[in-house]
């Protein structure tokens, strides 16, 4: 039996468009994508992660806050992301 990976999706408005952020239970950033490519997101996750369950969650693992800080000018914010 294959375990299903739990993943969490949030959306972030940025100066260049809406960003999709996917994190796992360990607050690791799994996928960053623009909403223009949302249709590719699910196939990419399945290919790289295997079976998964994706649910919407505000600021999963703090990744949305980190990315927001980056887009507000804190270029070192990305150093705080687990990948």
Protein backbone atom coordinates (compact mmCIF):
# COMPACT_ATOMS: atom_id res chain seq x y z
CA UNK A 1 0.00 0.00 0.00
CA UNK A 2 1.32 3.43 -0.93
CA UNK A 3 1.00 6.25 1.58
CA UNK A 4 -0.74 9.38 0.40
CA UNK A 5 1.28 12.53 0.98
CA UNK A 6 -0.57 15.42 2.61
CA UNK A 7 0.16 18.75 0.94
CA UNK A 8 -1.17 22.22 1.62
CA UNK A 9 -1.84 24.98 -0.89
CA UNK A 10 -1.91 28.72 -0.34
CA UNK A 11 -2.06 31.65 -2.73
CA UNK A 12 -0.08 34.87 -2.47
CA UNK A 13 -0.65 38.08 -4.40
CA UNK A 14 2.70 39.47 -5.56
CA UNK A 15 3.66 42.50 -7.64
CA UNK A 16 3.99 40.22 -10.68
CA UNK A 17 0.91 38.03 -10.23
CA UNK A 18 -0.66 35.43 -7.98
CA UNK A 19 1.71 32.76 -6.72
CA UNK A 20 0.75 29.21 -5.70
CA UNK A 21 2.68 27.75 -2.77
CA UNK A 22 2.56 24.08 -1.79
CA UNK A 23 4.10 22.83 1.46
CA UNK A 24 4.12 19.50 3.28
CA UNK A 25 3.57 18.50 6.93
CA UNK A 26 7.19 19.31 7.74
CA UNK A 27 6.87 22.89 6.43
CA UNK A 28 9.02 22.09 3.40
CA UNK A 29 8.21 24.04 0.28
CA UNK A 30 7.33 21.52 -2.44
CA UNK A 31 6.10 23.66 -5.34
CA UNK A 32 6.02 27.32 -6.31
CA UNK A 33 4.03 28.17 -9.42
CA UNK A 34 2.12 31.03 -10.95
CA UNK A 35 -1.65 30.62 -11.13
CA UNK A 36 -1.35 30.86 -14.92
CA UNK A 37 0.16 27.36 -14.74
CA UNK A 38 -2.13 25.88 -12.10
CA UNK A 39 -3.35 23.29 -14.59
CA UNK A 40 0.19 21.79 -14.60
CA UNK A 41 0.51 21.77 -10.82
CA UNK A 42 -1.34 18.51 -10.20
CA UNK A 43 0.54 16.50 -12.82
CA UNK A 44 3.86 17.85 -11.54
CA UNK A 45 3.02 16.92 -7.96
CA UNK A 46 1.91 13.42 -8.95
CA UNK A 47 5.07 12.88 -11.00
CA UNK A 48 7.44 14.06 -8.26
CA UNK A 49 5.59 13.11 -5.07
CA UNK A 50 3.42 10.13 -5.96
CA UNK A 51 -0.10 9.92 -4.54
CA UNK A 52 -1.04 13.08 -2.67
CA UNK A 53 -3.92 14.90 -1.05
CA UNK A 54 -3.96 18.67 -1.55
CA UNK A 55 -5.96 20.97 0.68
CA UNK A 56 -6.13 24.73 1.01
CA UNK A 57 -4.50 26.10 4.15
CA UNK A 58 -3.50 29.61 5.19
CA UNK A 59 0.29 30.03 5.43
CA UNK A 60 1.20 26.32 5.52
CA UNK A 61 4.32 25.88 7.59
CA UNK A 62 4.99 29.61 7.41
CA UNK A 63 5.98 29.49 3.73
CA UNK A 64 3.50 32.18 2.69
CA UNK A 65 4.85 34.59 5.29
CA UNK A 66 8.41 33.95 4.10
CA UNK A 67 7.53 34.49 0.44
CA UNK A 68 5.56 37.61 1.33
CA UNK A 69 8.59 39.01 3.17
CA UNK A 70 10.73 38.28 0.11
CA UNK A 71 8.40 40.19 -2.20
CA UNK A 72 8.41 43.09 0.28
CA UNK A 73 12.19 43.35 -0.06
CA UNK A 74 13.65 40.92 2.50
CA UNK A 75 15.93 39.06 0.09
CA UNK A 76 17.30 36.88 2.90
CA UNK A 77 13.80 35.58 3.72
CA UNK A 78 14.25 32.66 1.33
CA UNK A 79 17.04 31.35 3.55
CA UNK A 80 14.36 30.49 6.12
CA UNK A 81 12.54 28.08 3.79
CA UNK A 82 12.85 24.35 4.21
CA UNK A 83 13.07 22.50 0.92
